[in-house]
Amino acid sequence: KIHISKKWGFTKFNVDEFEDMVAEKWLIPDGCGIKYIPNDGPLDKRQVLHS
């Protein structure tokens, strides 16, 4: 039996929201995975990741 997932690859994000989150730079590529950039935390670290 084959299970078809609603997730993007091996991430915890749904397919429909994944592409939107990448476009809005909430997710950035990191090698063979992704990095989630939260809306809280030190500003200097977020600005470095978004540039």
C-alpha atoms as a PDB file:
ATOM      1  CA  LYS A   1       0.000   0.000   0.000  1.00  0.00           C
ATOM      2  CA  ILE A   2       1.351   3.418  -0.960  1.00  0.00           C
ATOM      3  CA  HIS A   3       0.585   6.444   1.178  1.00  0.00           C
ATOM      4  CA  ILE A   4       0.484   9.817  -0.591  1.00  0.00           C
ATOM      5  CA  SER A   5       1.485  12.557   1.803  1.00  0.00           C
ATOM      6  CA  LYS A   6       0.263  16.148   1.826  1.00  0.00           C
ATOM      7  CA  LYS A   7       3.690  17.247   3.071  1.00  0.00           C
ATOM      8  CA  TRP A   8       6.536  18.611   0.935  1.00  0.00           C
ATOM      9  CA  GLY A   9       9.176  15.869   0.843  1.00  0.00           C
ATOM     10  CA  PHE A  10      10.346  15.003   4.331  1.00  0.00           C
ATOM     11  CA  THR A  11       9.432  18.393   5.814  1.00  0.00           C
ATOM     12  CA  LYS A  12       6.630  19.229   8.230  1.00  0.00           C
ATOM     13  CA  PHE A  13       5.102  21.767   5.816  1.00  0.00           C
ATOM     14  CA  ASN A  14       2.124  21.141   3.517  1.00  0.00           C
ATOM     15  CA  VAL A  15       2.639  21.358  -0.248  1.00  0.00           C
ATOM     16  CA  ASP A  16       0.255  24.294  -0.689  1.00  0.00           C
ATOM     17  CA  GLU A  17       1.913  26.456   1.984  1.00  0.00           C
ATOM     18  CA  PHE A  18       5.529  25.445   1.241  1.00  0.00           C
ATOM     19  CA  GLU A  19       5.913  27.436  -1.991  1.00  0.00           C
ATOM     20  CA  ASP A  20       4.290  30.507  -0.416  1.00  0.00           C
ATOM     21  CA  MET A  21       6.636  30.309   2.573  1.00  0.00           C
ATOM     22  CA  VAL A  22       9.689  30.057   0.291  1.00  0.00           C
ATOM     23  CA  ALA A  23       8.495  33.074  -1.733  1.00  0.00           C
ATOM     24  CA  GLU A  24       7.997  35.103   1.468  1.00  0.00           C
ATOM     25  CA  LYS A  25      11.433  33.943   2.738  1.00  0.00           C
ATOM     26  CA  TRP A  26      10.059  32.112   5.793  1.00  0.00           C
ATOM     27  CA  LEU A  27      11.931  29.058   4.502  1.00  0.00           C
ATOM     28  CA  ILE A  28      15.390  29.175   2.978  1.00  0.00           C
ATOM     29  CA  PRO A  29      17.293  26.323   1.302  1.00  0.00           C
ATOM     30  CA  ASP A  30      20.025  24.805   3.466  1.00  0.00           C
ATOM     31  CA  GLY A  31      21.886  22.063   1.643  1.00  0.00           C
ATOM     32  CA  CYS A  32      19.551  19.113   1.214  1.00  0.00           C
ATOM     33  CA  GLY A  33      17.046  20.555   3.727  1.00  0.00           C
ATOM     34  CA  ILE A  34      15.416  23.853   4.589  1.00  0.00           C
ATOM     35  CA  LYS A  35      15.690  26.351   7.402  1.00  0.00           C
ATOM     36  CA  TYR A  36      12.563  27.873   8.984  1.00  0.00           C
ATOM     37  CA  ILE A  37      12.951  31.549   9.887  1.00  0.00           C
ATOM     38  CA  PRO A  38      10.528  32.417  12.712  1.00  0.00           C
ATOM     39  CA  ASN A  39       8.986  35.842  13.227  1.00  0.00           C
ATOM     40  CA  ASP A  40      10.577  36.283  16.656  1.00  0.00           C
ATOM     41  CA  GLY A  41      14.117  36.393  17.963  1.00  0.00           C
ATOM     42  CA  PRO A  42      17.059  38.763  17.523  1.00  0.00           C
ATOM     43  CA  LEU A  43      16.642  41.144  14.580  1.00  0.00           C
ATOM     44  CA  ASP A  44      20.278  40.991  13.530  1.00  0.00           C
ATOM     45  CA  LYS A  45      20.117  37.221  12.962  1.00  0.00           C
ATOM     46  CA  ARG A  46      16.915  37.476  10.914  1.00  0.00           C
ATOM     47  CA  GLN A  47      18.271  40.277   8.725  1.00  0.00           C
ATOM     48  CA  VAL A  48      21.395  38.259   7.913  1.00  0.00           C
ATOM     49  CA  LEU A  49      19.321  35.228   6.885  1.00  0.00           C
ATOM     50  CA  HIS A  50      16.885  37.256   4.759  1.00  0.00           C
ATOM     51  CA  SER A  51      19.569  39.124   2.802  1.00  0.00           C
END
